[in-house]
PDB file of N, CA and C in Angstrom:
ATOM      1  N   MET A   1     -34.157 -87.252  11.706  1.00  0.00           N
ATOM      2  CA  MET A   1     -33.801 -88.615  11.417  1.00  0.00           C
ATOM      3  C   MET A   1     -32.290 -88.770  11.291  1.00  0.00           C
ATOM      4  N   ALA A   2     -31.617 -87.805  10.668  1.00  0.00           N
ATOM      5  CA  ALA A   2     -30.162 -87.878  10.521  1.00  0.00           C
ATOM      6  C   ALA A   2     -29.485 -87.893  11.883  1.00  0.00           C
ATOM      7  N   ALA A   3     -30.008 -87.100  12.829  1.00  0.00           N
ATOM      8  CA  ALA A   3     -29.430 -87.072  14.167  1.00  0.00           C
ATOM      9  C   ALA A   3     -29.585 -88.417  14.852  1.00  0.00           C
ATOM     10  N   ALA A   4     -30.746 -89.049  14.673  1.00  0.00           N
ATOM     11  CA  ALA A   4     -30.979 -90.361  15.273  1.00  0.00           C
ATOM     12  C   ALA A   4     -30.039 -91.393  14.660  1.00  0.00           C
ATOM     13  N   LEU A   5     -29.869 -91.360  13.340  1.00  0.00           N
ATOM     14  CA  LEU A   5     -28.958 -92.278  12.674  1.00  0.00           C
ATOM     15  C   LEU A   5     -27.532 -92.059  13.155  1.00  0.00           C
ATOM     16  N   SER A   6     -27.146 -90.801  13.278  1.00  0.00           N
ATOM     17  CA  SER A   6     -25.814 -90.476  13.765  1.00  0.00           C
ATOM     18  C   SER A   6     -25.596 -91.029  15.160  1.00  0.00           C
ATOM     19  N   ALA A   7     -26.604 -90.918  16.027  1.00  0.00           N
ATOM     20  CA  ALA A   7     -26.485 -91.423  17.392  1.00  0.00           C
ATOM     21  C   ALA A   7     -26.349 -92.942  17.397  1.00  0.00           C
ATOM     22  N   VAL A   8     -27.115 -93.630  16.547  1.00  0.00           N
ATOM     23  CA  VAL A   8     -27.042 -95.097  16.476  1.00  0.00           C
ATOM     24  C   VAL A   8     -25.670 -95.534  15.988  1.00  0.00           C
ATOM     25  N   VAL A   9     -25.189 -94.913  14.899  1.00  0.00           N
ATOM     26  CA  VAL A   9     -23.874 -95.263  14.362  1.00  0.00           C
ATOM     27  C   VAL A   9     -22.797 -94.967  15.394  1.00  0.00           C
ATOM     28  N   SER A  10     -22.900 -93.827  16.071  1.00  0.00           N
ATOM     29  CA  SER A  10     -21.924 -93.462  17.088  1.00  0.00           C
ATOM     30  C   SER A  10     -21.893 -94.481  18.218  1.00  0.00           C
ATOM     31  N   ALA A  11     -23.067 -94.932  18.642  1.00  0.00           N
ATOM     32  CA  ALA A  11     -23.137 -95.917  19.720  1.00  0.00           C
ATOM     33  C   ALA A  11     -22.476 -97.224  19.289  1.00  0.00           C
ATOM     34  N   LYS A  12     -22.720 -97.650  18.059  1.00  0.00           N
ATOM     35  CA  LYS A  12     -22.123 -98.901  17.567  1.00  0.00           C
ATOM     36  C   LYS A  12     -20.612 -98.779  17.445  1.00  0.00           C
ATOM     37  N   LEU A  13     -20.126 -97.591  17.070  1.00  0.00           N
ATOM     38  CA  LEU A  13     -18.688 -97.387  16.904  1.00  0.00           C
ATOM     39  C   LEU A  13     -17.999 -97.028  18.208  1.00  0.00           C
ATOM     40  N   GLY A  14     -18.792 -96.687  19.228  1.00  0.00           N
ATOM     41  CA  GLY A  14     -18.207 -96.303  20.501  1.00  0.00           C
ATOM     42  C   GLY A  14     -17.568 -94.930  20.474  1.00  0.00           C
ATOM     43  N   CYS A  15     -18.107 -94.028  19.643  1.00  0.00           N
ATOM     44  CA  CYS A  15     -17.579 -92.675  19.570  1.00  0.00           C
ATOM     45  C   CYS A  15     -18.718 -91.693  19.795  1.00  0.00           C
ATOM     46  N   PRO A  16     -18.406 -90.454  20.199  1.00  0.00           N
ATOM     47  CA  PRO A  16     -19.467 -89.485  20.459  1.00  0.00           C
ATOM     48  C   PRO A  16     -20.214 -89.107  19.203  1.00  0.00           C
ATOM     49  N   PRO A  17     -21.506 -88.734  19.334  1.00  0.00           N
ATOM     50  CA  PRO A  17     -22.258 -88.284  18.168  1.00  0.00           C
ATOM     51  C   PRO A  17     -21.604 -87.070  17.525  1.00  0.00           C
ATOM     52  N   ALA A  18     -21.795 -86.931  16.227  1.00  0.00           N
ATOM     53  CA  ALA A  18     -21.165 -85.834  15.492  1.00  0.00           C
ATOM     54  C   ALA A  18     -21.502 -84.484  16.092  1.00  0.00           C
ATOM     55  N   ALA A  19     -22.723 -84.298  16.581  1.00  0.00           N
ATOM     56  CA  ALA A  19     -23.126 -83.012  17.139  1.00  0.00           C
ATOM     57  C   ALA A  19     -22.314 -82.652  18.371  1.00  0.00           C
ATOM     58  N   ALA A  20     -21.769 -83.642  19.071  1.00  0.00           N
ATOM     59  CA  ALA A  20     -21.014 -83.382  20.296  1.00  0.00           C
ATOM     60  C   ALA A  20     -19.525 -83.232  20.034  1.00  0.00           C
ATOM     61  N   LEU A  21     -19.096 -83.323  18.788  1.00  0.00           N
ATOM     62  CA  LEU A  21     -17.674 -83.338  18.498  1.00  0.00           C
ATOM     63  C   LEU A  21     -17.045 -81.968  18.274  1.00  0.00           C
ATOM     64  N   GLY A  22     -17.820 -80.905  18.177  1.00  0.00           N
ATOM     65  CA  GLY A  22     -17.207 -79.596  18.042  1.00  0.00           C
ATOM     66  C   GLY A  22     -17.413 -78.963  16.687  1.00  0.00           C
ATOM     67  N   SER A  23     -16.542 -77.987  16.339  1.00  0.00           N
ATOM     68  CA  SER A  23     -16.726 -77.129  15.185  1.00  0.00           C
ATOM     69  C   SER A  23     -16.880 -77.889  13.873  1.00  0.00           C
ATOM     70  N   TRP A  24     -15.816 -78.372  13.291  1.00  0.00           N
ATOM     71  CA  TRP A  24     -15.969 -79.138  12.045  1.00  0.00           C
ATOM     72  C   TRP A  24     -15.489 -80.547  12.316  1.00  0.00           C
ATOM     73  N   LYS A  25     -16.406 -81.377  12.649  1.00  0.00           N
ATOM     74  CA  LYS A  25     -16.091 -82.780  12.863  1.00  0.00           C
ATOM     75  C   LYS A  25     -16.895 -83.597  11.872  1.00  0.00           C
ATOM     76  N   ALA A  26     -16.302 -84.638  11.430  1.00  0.00           N
ATOM     77  CA  ALA A  26     -16.924 -85.491  10.430  1.00  0.00           C
ATOM     78  C   ALA A  26     -18.170 -86.168  10.978  1.00  0.00           C
ATOM     79  N   LYS A  27     -19.036 -86.523  10.049  1.00  0.00           N
ATOM     80  CA  LYS A  27     -20.230 -87.285  10.406  1.00  0.00           C
ATOM     81  C   LYS A  27     -19.799 -88.657  10.904  1.00  0.00           C
ATOM     82  N   ALA A  28     -20.607 -89.211  11.804  1.00  0.00           N
ATOM     83  CA  ALA A  28     -20.309 -90.535  12.358  1.00  0.00           C
ATOM     84  C   ALA A  28     -20.207 -91.577  11.255  1.00  0.00           C
ATOM     85  N   GLU A  29     -21.025 -91.445  10.211  1.00  0.00           N
ATOM     86  CA  GLU A  29     -20.982 -92.394   9.100  1.00  0.00           C
ATOM     87  C   GLU A  29     -19.621 -92.348   8.394  1.00  0.00           C
ATOM     88  N   THR A  30     -19.068 -91.148   8.255  1.00  0.00           N
ATOM     89  CA  THR A  30     -17.754 -91.009   7.615  1.00  0.00           C
ATOM     90  C   THR A  30     -16.682 -91.644   8.486  1.00  0.00           C
ATOM     91  N   VAL A  31     -16.742 -91.369   9.781  1.00  0.00           N
ATOM     92  CA  VAL A  31     -15.769 -91.956  10.707  1.00  0.00           C
ATOM     93  C   VAL A  31     -15.838 -93.477  10.634  1.00  0.00           C
ATOM     94  N   GLY A  32     -17.045 -94.012  10.593  1.00  0.00           N
ATOM     95  CA  GLY A  32     -17.221 -95.462  10.506  1.00  0.00           C
ATOM     96  C   GLY A  32     -16.623 -96.052   9.246  1.00  0.00           C
ATOM     97  N   LYS A  33     -16.841 -95.386   8.106  1.00  0.00           N
ATOM     98  CA  LYS A  33     -16.273 -95.871   6.848  1.00  0.00           C
ATOM     99  C   LYS A  33     -14.743 -95.820   6.889  1.00  0.00           C
ATOM    100  N   VAL A  34     -14.210 -94.729   7.457  1.00  0.00           N
ATOM    101  CA  VAL A  34     -12.751 -94.602   7.557  1.00  0.00           C
ATOM    102  C   VAL A  34     -12.200 -95.736   8.424  1.00  0.00           C
ATOM    103  N   MET A  35     -12.877 -96.027   9.534  1.00  0.00           N
ATOM    104  CA  MET A  35     -12.422 -97.115  10.402  1.00  0.00           C
ATOM    105  C   MET A  35     -12.402 -98.442   9.659  1.00  0.00           C
ATOM    106  N   GLN A  36     -13.436 -98.716   8.878  1.00  0.00           N
ATOM    107  CA  GLN A  36     -13.486 -99.966   8.120  1.00  0.00           C
ATOM    108  C   GLN A  36     -12.350-100.044   7.103  1.00  0.00           C
ATOM    109  N   ILE A  37     -12.081 -98.942   6.422  1.00  0.00           N
ATOM    110  CA  ILE A  37     -11.008 -98.922   5.424  1.00  0.00           C
ATOM    111  C   ILE A  37      -9.654 -99.112   6.088  1.00  0.00           C
ATOM    112  N   VAL A  38      -9.444 -98.467   7.232  1.00  0.00           N
ATOM    113  CA  VAL A  38      -8.178 -98.618   7.955  1.00  0.00           C
ATOM    114  C   VAL A  38      -8.000-100.066   8.401  1.00  0.00           C
ATOM    115  N   LYS A  39      -9.064-100.659   8.932  1.00  0.00           N
ATOM    116  CA  LYS A  39      -8.989-102.072   9.345  1.00  0.00           C
ATOM    117  C   LYS A  39      -8.606-102.956   8.158  1.00  0.00           C
ATOM    118  N   GLN A  40      -9.234-102.697   7.027  1.00  0.00           N
ATOM    119  CA  GLN A  40      -8.972-103.506   5.828  1.00  0.00           C
ATOM    120  C   GLN A  40      -7.538-103.298   5.335  1.00  0.00           C
ATOM    121  N   GLN A  41      -7.104-102.053   5.232  1.00  0.00           N
ATOM    122  CA  GLN A  41      -5.776-101.763   4.695  1.00  0.00           C
ATOM    123  C   GLN A  41      -4.660-102.286   5.594  1.00  0.00           C
ATOM    124  N   LEU A  42      -4.899-102.282   6.905  1.00  0.00           N
ATOM    125  CA  LEU A  42      -3.871-102.741   7.840  1.00  0.00           C
ATOM    126  C   LEU A  42      -4.094-104.189   8.282  1.00  0.00           C
ATOM    127  N   ALA A  43      -5.092-104.851   7.680  1.00  0.00           N
ATOM    128  CA  ALA A  43      -5.408-106.250   8.004  1.00  0.00           C
ATOM    129  C   ALA A  43      -5.583-106.446   9.501  1.00  0.00           C
ATOM    130  N   LEU A  44      -6.385-105.564  10.125  1.00  0.00           N
ATOM    131  CA  LEU A  44      -6.568-105.619  11.573  1.00  0.00           C
ATOM    132  C   LEU A  44      -7.661-106.583  11.998  1.00  0.00           C
ATOM    133  N   GLY A  45      -8.561-106.923  11.113  1.00  0.00           N
ATOM    134  CA  GLY A  45      -9.667-107.796  11.479  1.00  0.00           C
ATOM    135  C   GLY A  45     -10.826-107.008  12.046  1.00  0.00           C
ATOM    136  N   GLU A  46     -12.008-107.550  11.906  1.00  0.00           N
ATOM    137  CA  GLU A  46     -13.231-106.859  12.329  1.00  0.00           C
ATOM    138  C   GLU A  46     -13.290-106.633  13.841  1.00  0.00           C
ATOM    139  N   GLU A  47     -12.631-107.491  14.615  1.00  0.00           N
ATOM    140  CA  GLU A  47     -12.704-107.374  16.070  1.00  0.00           C
ATOM    141  C   GLU A  47     -11.812-106.262  16.635  1.00  0.00           C
ATOM    142  N   ALA A  48     -10.949-105.698  15.809  1.00  0.00           N
ATOM    143  CA  ALA A  48     -10.060-104.628  16.261  1.00  0.00           C
ATOM    144  C   ALA A  48     -10.873-103.428  16.728  1.00  0.00           C
ATOM    145  N   LYS A  49     -10.513-102.877  17.864  1.00  0.00           N
ATOM    146  CA  LYS A  49     -11.194-101.714  18.423  1.00  0.00           C
ATOM    147  C   LYS A  49     -10.439-100.458  18.016  1.00  0.00           C
ATOM    148  N   LEU A  50     -11.108 -99.624  17.244  1.00  0.00           N
ATOM    149  CA  LEU A  50     -10.532 -98.353  16.820  1.00  0.00           C
ATOM    150  C   LEU A  50     -11.360 -97.224  17.387  1.00  0.00           C
ATOM    151  N   ALA A  51     -10.732 -96.073  17.520  1.00  0.00           N
ATOM    152  CA  ALA A  51     -11.414 -94.865  17.985  1.00  0.00           C
ATOM    153  C   ALA A  51     -11.056 -93.742  17.019  1.00  0.00           C
ATOM    154  N   PRO A  52     -11.868 -92.686  16.994  1.00  0.00           N
ATOM    155  CA  PRO A  52     -11.536 -91.570  16.094  1.00  0.00           C
ATOM    156  C   PRO A  52     -10.130 -91.022  16.317  1.00  0.00           C
ATOM    157  N   GLU A  53      -9.650 -91.079  17.539  1.00  0.00           N
ATOM    158  CA  GLU A  53      -8.313 -90.544  17.824  1.00  0.00           C
ATOM    159  C   GLU A  53      -7.190 -91.557  17.598  1.00  0.00           C
ATOM    160  N   SER A  54      -7.526 -92.761  17.128  1.00  0.00           N
ATOM    161  CA  SER A  54      -6.501 -93.769  16.839  1.00  0.00           C
ATOM    162  C   SER A  54      -5.537 -93.237  15.779  1.00  0.00           C
ATOM    163  N   GLN A  55      -4.256 -93.290  16.107  1.00  0.00           N
ATOM    164  CA  GLN A  55      -3.232 -92.843  15.163  1.00  0.00           C
ATOM    165  C   GLN A  55      -2.797 -94.015  14.304  1.00  0.00           C
ATOM    166  N   PHE A  56      -2.601 -93.742  13.031  1.00  0.00           N
ATOM    167  CA  PHE A  56      -2.211 -94.792  12.103  1.00  0.00           C
ATOM    168  C   PHE A  56      -0.919 -95.479  12.561  1.00  0.00           C
ATOM    169  N   THR A  57       0.053 -94.692  13.033  1.00  0.00           N
ATOM    170  CA  THR A  57       1.328 -95.279  13.463  1.00  0.00           C
ATOM    171  C   THR A  57       1.140 -96.209  14.659  1.00  0.00           C
ATOM    172  N   GLU A  58       0.222 -95.866  15.560  1.00  0.00           N
ATOM    173  CA  GLU A  58      -0.045 -96.722  16.714  1.00  0.00           C
ATOM    174  C   GLU A  58      -0.711 -98.030  16.290  1.00  0.00           C
ATOM    175  N   LEU A  59      -1.332 -98.031  15.129  1.00  0.00           N
ATOM    176  CA  LEU A  59      -1.986 -99.228  14.605  1.00  0.00           C
ATOM    177  C   LEU A  59      -1.020-100.073  13.768  1.00  0.00           C
ATOM    178  N   GLY A  60       0.231 -99.621  13.675  1.00  0.00           N
ATOM    179  CA  GLY A  60       1.246-100.369  12.942  1.00  0.00           C
ATOM    180  C   GLY A  60       1.495 -99.898  11.526  1.00  0.00           C
ATOM    181  N   ALA A  61       0.909 -98.767  11.145  1.00  0.00           N
ATOM    182  CA  ALA A  61       1.070 -98.268   9.773  1.00  0.00           C
ATOM    183  C   ALA A  61       2.408 -97.560   9.607  1.00  0.00           C
ATOM    184  N   ASP A  62       3.065 -97.849   8.491  1.00  0.00           N
ATOM    185  CA  ASP A  62       4.251 -97.082   8.119  1.00  0.00           C
ATOM    186  C   ASP A  62       3.824 -96.069   7.053  1.00  0.00           C
ATOM    187  N   SER A  63       4.775 -95.349   6.473  1.00  0.00           N
ATOM    188  CA  SER A  63       4.418 -94.304   5.515  1.00  0.00           C
ATOM    189  C   SER A  63       3.745 -94.881   4.267  1.00  0.00           C
ATOM    190  N   LEU A  64       4.170 -96.047   3.817  1.00  0.00           N
ATOM    191  CA  LEU A  64       3.538 -96.667   2.646  1.00  0.00           C
ATOM    192  C   LEU A  64       2.100 -97.073   2.976  1.00  0.00           C
ATOM    193  N   ASP A  65       1.883 -97.624   4.166  1.00  0.00           N
ATOM    194  CA  ASP A  65       0.520 -97.974   4.583  1.00  0.00           C
ATOM    195  C   ASP A  65      -0.373 -96.747   4.585  1.00  0.00           C
ATOM    196  N   THR A  66       0.163 -95.632   5.079  1.00  0.00           N
ATOM    197  CA  THR A  66      -0.623 -94.398   5.144  1.00  0.00           C
ATOM    198  C   THR A  66      -0.998 -93.918   3.748  1.00  0.00           C
ATOM    199  N   VAL A  67      -0.066 -94.006   2.801  1.00  0.00           N
ATOM    200  CA  VAL A  67      -0.360 -93.637   1.412  1.00  0.00           C
ATOM    201  C   VAL A  67      -1.458 -94.539   0.863  1.00  0.00           C
ATOM    202  N   GLU A  68      -1.382 -95.836   1.144  1.00  0.00           N
ATOM    203  CA  GLU A  68      -2.395 -96.766   0.659  1.00  0.00           C
ATOM    204  C   GLU A  68      -3.754 -96.500   1.296  1.00  0.00           C
ATOM    205  N   ILE A  69      -3.759 -96.107   2.567  1.00  0.00           N
ATOM    206  CA  ILE A  69      -5.016 -95.737   3.236  1.00  0.00           C
ATOM    207  C   ILE A  69      -5.625 -94.527   2.537  1.00  0.00           C
ATOM    208  N   VAL A  70      -4.819 -93.506   2.282  1.00  0.00           N
ATOM    209  CA  VAL A  70      -5.317 -92.292   1.631  1.00  0.00           C
ATOM    210  C   VAL A  70      -5.853 -92.630   0.237  1.00  0.00           C
ATOM    211  N   MET A  71      -5.163 -93.475  -0.489  1.00  0.00           N
ATOM    212  CA  MET A  71      -5.635 -93.863  -1.827  1.00  0.00           C
ATOM    213  C   MET A  71      -6.971 -94.609  -1.745  1.00  0.00           C
ATOM    214  N   ALA A  72      -7.111 -95.484  -0.765  1.00  0.00           N
ATOM    215  CA  ALA A  72      -8.370 -96.209  -0.587  1.00  0.00           C
ATOM    216  C   ALA A  72      -9.498 -95.254  -0.210  1.00  0.00           C
ATOM    217  N   LEU A  73      -9.187 -94.253   0.606  1.00  0.00           N
ATOM    218  CA  LEU A  73     -10.192 -93.253   0.988  1.00  0.00           C
ATOM    219  C   LEU A  73     -10.608 -92.427  -0.221  1.00  0.00           C
ATOM    220  N   GLU A  74      -9.643 -92.042  -1.049  1.00  0.00           N
ATOM    221  CA  GLU A  74      -9.964 -91.287  -2.265  1.00  0.00           C
ATOM    222  C   GLU A  74     -10.918 -92.081  -3.150  1.00  0.00           C
ATOM    223  N   GLU A  75     -10.627 -93.364  -3.307  1.00  0.00           N
ATOM    224  CA  GLU A  75     -11.470 -94.210  -4.155  1.00  0.00           C
ATOM    225  C   GLU A  75     -12.864 -94.374  -3.552  1.00  0.00           C
ATOM    226  N   GLU A  76     -12.940 -94.636  -2.261  1.00  0.00           N
ATOM    227  CA  GLU A  76     -14.228 -94.875  -1.597  1.00  0.00           C
ATOM    228  C   GLU A  76     -15.127 -93.644  -1.639  1.00  0.00           C
ATOM    229  N   PHE A  77     -14.549 -92.466  -1.400  1.00  0.00           N
ATOM    230  CA  PHE A  77     -15.350 -91.253  -1.274  1.00  0.00           C
ATOM    231  C   PHE A  77     -15.368 -90.401  -2.538  1.00  0.00           C
ATOM    232  N   GLY A  78     -14.627 -90.801  -3.572  1.00  0.00           N
ATOM    233  CA  GLY A  78     -14.620 -90.047  -4.821  1.00  0.00           C
ATOM    234  C   GLY A  78     -14.019 -88.665  -4.671  1.00  0.00           C
ATOM    235  N   ILE A  79     -12.922 -88.585  -3.909  1.00  0.00           N
ATOM    236  CA  ILE A  79     -12.262 -87.306  -3.657  1.00  0.00           C
ATOM    237  C   ILE A  79     -10.809 -87.375  -4.113  1.00  0.00           C
ATOM    238  N   THR A  80     -10.182 -86.223  -4.159  1.00  0.00           N
ATOM    239  CA  THR A  80      -8.750 -86.134  -4.402  1.00  0.00           C
ATOM    240  C   THR A  80      -8.128 -85.420  -3.217  1.00  0.00           C
ATOM    241  N   VAL A  81      -7.168 -86.069  -2.573  1.00  0.00           N
ATOM    242  CA  VAL A  81      -6.486 -85.485  -1.419  1.00  0.00           C
ATOM    243  C   VAL A  81      -5.128 -84.983  -1.892  1.00  0.00           C
ATOM    244  N   GLU A  82      -4.923 -83.678  -1.776  1.00  0.00           N
ATOM    245  CA  GLU A  82      -3.648 -83.082  -2.167  1.00  0.00           C
ATOM    246  C   GLU A  82      -2.548 -83.559  -1.216  1.00  0.00           C
ATOM    247  N   GLU A  83      -1.312 -83.583  -1.708  1.00  0.00           N
ATOM    248  CA  GLU A  83      -0.201 -84.122  -0.927  1.00  0.00           C
ATOM    249  C   GLU A  83      -0.029 -83.420   0.416  1.00  0.00           C
ATOM    250  N   ASP A  84      -0.159 -82.077   0.438  1.00  0.00           N
ATOM    251  CA  ASP A  84       0.011 -81.373   1.711  1.00  0.00           C
ATOM    252  C   ASP A  84      -1.074 -81.758   2.714  1.00  0.00           C
ATOM    253  N   ASN A  85      -2.293 -82.008   2.240  1.00  0.00           N
ATOM    254  CA  ASN A  85      -3.368 -82.473   3.120  1.00  0.00           C
ATOM    255  C   ASN A  85      -3.123 -83.908   3.564  1.00  0.00           C
ATOM    256  N   ALA A  86      -2.623 -84.740   2.663  1.00  0.00           N
ATOM    257  CA  ALA A  86      -2.372 -86.143   2.991  1.00  0.00           C
ATOM    258  C   ALA A  86      -1.342 -86.264   4.112  1.00  0.00           C
ATOM    259  N   GLN A  87      -0.358 -85.390   4.114  1.00  0.00           N
ATOM    260  CA  GLN A  87       0.680 -85.447   5.139  1.00  0.00           C
ATOM    261  C   GLN A  87       0.156 -85.052   6.517  1.00  0.00           C
ATOM    262  N   SER A  88      -0.962 -84.336   6.565  1.00  0.00           N
ATOM    263  CA  SER A  88      -1.512 -83.911   7.853  1.00  0.00           C
ATOM    264  C   SER A  88      -2.468 -84.943   8.452  1.00  0.00           C
ATOM    265  N   ILE A  89      -2.732 -86.017   7.719  1.00  0.00           N
ATOM    266  CA  ILE A  89      -3.644 -87.052   8.211  1.00  0.00           C
ATOM    267  C   ILE A  89      -2.853 -88.043   9.052  1.00  0.00           C
ATOM    268  N   THR A  90      -3.105 -88.023  10.360  1.00  0.00           N
ATOM    269  CA  THR A  90      -2.406 -88.952  11.243  1.00  0.00           C
ATOM    270  C   THR A  90      -3.370 -89.818  12.053  1.00  0.00           C
ATOM    271  N   THR A  91      -4.644 -89.406  12.112  1.00  0.00           N
ATOM    272  CA  THR A  91      -5.632 -90.167  12.879  1.00  0.00           C
ATOM    273  C   THR A  91      -6.861 -90.435  12.012  1.00  0.00           C
ATOM    274  N   ILE A  92      -7.686 -91.319  12.494  1.00  0.00           N
ATOM    275  CA  ILE A  92      -8.950 -91.608  11.817  1.00  0.00           C
ATOM    276  C   ILE A  92      -9.797 -90.347  11.749  1.00  0.00           C
ATOM    277  N   GLN A  93      -9.835 -89.578  12.840  1.00  0.00           N
ATOM    278  CA  GLN A  93     -10.621 -88.344  12.870  1.00  0.00           C
ATOM    279  C   GLN A  93     -10.095 -87.336  11.857  1.00  0.00           C
ATOM    280  N   ASP A  94      -8.761 -87.207  11.748  1.00  0.00           N
ATOM    281  CA  ASP A  94      -8.180 -86.295  10.752  1.00  0.00           C
ATOM    282  C   ASP A  94      -8.673 -86.650   9.348  1.00  0.00           C
ATOM    283  N   ALA A  95      -8.633 -87.937   9.041  1.00  0.00           N
ATOM    284  CA  ALA A  95      -9.055 -88.391   7.711  1.00  0.00           C
ATOM    285  C   ALA A  95     -10.531 -88.106   7.483  1.00  0.00           C
ATOM    286  N   ALA A  96     -11.366 -88.447   8.457  1.00  0.00           N
ATOM    287  CA  ALA A  96     -12.808 -88.250   8.309  1.00  0.00           C
ATOM    288  C   ALA A  96     -13.157 -86.766   8.186  1.00  0.00           C
ATOM    289  N   ASP A  97     -12.516 -85.920   8.986  1.00  0.00           N
ATOM    290  CA  ASP A  97     -12.766 -84.478   8.914  1.00  0.00           C
ATOM    291  C   ASP A  97     -12.417 -83.935   7.530  1.00  0.00           C
ATOM    292  N   LEU A  98     -11.258 -84.337   7.016  1.00  0.00           N
ATOM    293  CA  LEU A  98     -10.832 -83.863   5.697  1.00  0.00           C
ATOM    294  C   LEU A  98     -11.786 -84.345   4.614  1.00  0.00           C
ATOM    295  N   ILE A  99     -12.207 -85.595   4.695  1.00  0.00           N
ATOM    296  CA  ILE A  99     -13.141 -86.144   3.710  1.00  0.00           C
ATOM    297  C   ILE A  99     -14.429 -85.338   3.688  1.00  0.00           C
ATOM    298  N   ASP A 100     -15.018 -85.104   4.865  1.00  0.00           N
ATOM    299  CA  ASP A 100     -16.276 -84.356   4.897  1.00  0.00           C
ATOM    300  C   ASP A 100     -16.092 -82.926   4.409  1.00  0.00           C
ATOM    301  N   LYS A 101     -14.959 -82.305   4.711  1.00  0.00           N
ATOM    302  CA  LYS A 101     -14.695 -80.949   4.201  1.00  0.00           C
ATOM    303  C   LYS A 101     -14.609 -80.964   2.673  1.00  0.00           C
ATOM    304  N   LEU A 102     -13.884 -81.931   2.131  1.00  0.00           N
ATOM    305  CA  LEU A 102     -13.738 -82.010   0.672  1.00  0.00           C
ATOM    306  C   LEU A 102     -15.072 -82.298  -0.006  1.00  0.00           C
ATOM    307  N   VAL A 103     -15.840 -83.203   0.558  1.00  0.00           N
ATOM    308  CA  VAL A 103     -17.137 -83.537  -0.032  1.00  0.00           C
ATOM    309  C   VAL A 103     -18.074 -82.329   0.044  1.00  0.00           C
ATOM    310  N   ALA A 104     -18.116 -81.654   1.197  1.00  0.00           N
ATOM    311  CA  ALA A 104     -18.986 -80.500   1.374  1.00  0.00           C
ATOM    312  C   ALA A 104     -18.564 -79.325   0.497  1.00  0.00           C
ATOM    313  N   GLY A 105     -17.252 -79.187   0.291  1.00  0.00           N
ATOM    314  CA  GLY A 105     -16.745 -78.072  -0.499  1.00  0.00           C
ATOM    315  C   GLY A 105     -16.627 -78.389  -1.971  1.00  0.00           C
ATOM    316  N   GLY A 106     -17.140 -79.523  -2.398  1.00  0.00           N
ATOM    317  CA  GLY A 106     -17.048 -79.881  -3.802  1.00  0.00           C
ATOM    318  C   GLY A 106     -15.654 -80.320  -4.199  1.00  0.00           C
ATOM    319  N   GLY A 107     -14.866 -80.800  -3.212  1.00  0.00           N
ATOM    320  CA  GLY A 107     -13.495 -81.217  -3.486  1.00  0.00           C
ATOM    321  C   GLY A 107     -13.379 -82.597  -4.061  1.00  0.00           C
ATOM    322  N   GLY A 108     -14.514 -83.169  -4.385  1.00  0.00           N
ATOM    323  CA  GLY A 108     -14.494 -84.506  -4.959  1.00  0.00           C
ATOM    324  C   GLY A 108     -14.137 -84.474  -6.420  1.00  0.00           C
ATOM    325  N   LYS A 109     -13.846 -85.647  -6.947  1.00  0.00           N
ATOM    326  CA  LYS A 109     -13.552 -85.773  -8.380  1.00  0.00           C
ATOM    327  C   LYS A 109     -14.837 -85.600  -9.165  1.00  0.00           C
ATOM    328  N   PRO A 110     -14.760 -85.103 -10.382  1.00  0.00           N
ATOM    329  CA  PRO A 110     -15.971 -85.042 -11.214  1.00  0.00           C
ATOM    330  C   PRO A 110     -16.458 -86.450 -11.497  1.00  0.00           C
ATOM    331  N   PRO A 111     -17.761 -86.633 -11.672  1.00  0.00           N
ATOM    332  CA  PRO A 111     -18.284 -87.970 -11.963  1.00  0.00           C
ATOM    333  C   PRO A 111     -17.679 -88.532 -13.231  1.00  0.00           C
ATOM    334  N   ALA A 112     -17.427 -89.819 -13.232  1.00  0.00           N
ATOM    335  CA  ALA A 112     -16.855 -90.474 -14.408  1.00  0.00           C
ATOM    336  C   ALA A 112     -17.895 -90.497 -15.519  1.00  0.00           C
ATOM    337  N   ALA A 113     -17.416 -90.327 -16.737  1.00  0.00           N
ATOM    338  CA  ALA A 113     -18.326 -90.373 -17.885  1.00  0.00           C
ATOM    339  C   ALA A 113     -18.811 -91.797 -18.089  1.00  0.00           C
ATOM    340  N   ALA A 114     -20.080 -91.922 -18.441  1.00  0.00           N
ATOM    341  CA  ALA A 114     -20.645 -93.270 -18.629  1.00  0.00           C
ATOM    342  C   ALA A 114     -20.318 -93.813 -19.984  1.00  0.00           C
TER     343      ALA A 114
END
């Protein structure tokens, strides 16, 4: 079922299914969430066409925009991105790959106390 969902999400996003992306590639759902956050942070509008290889700078992001994107990703996924990792994020795919690695490796923040 997860593979079928991945294929559907990939088709809607216009990107290859996660299984076809290689060694450690983010899930299609993660890529989709990253695309939505990037669109929101850069005020691109829903009609903007993004791809996993879209570079933030090509989308009009400056260094402050990139920091704000990383902060929004940290909040959305409940992770902490170290500064050296944040500097290596230049594309949507880079961000999604790092997010899935952090989530899989327990790199997320501890749950907030209720």
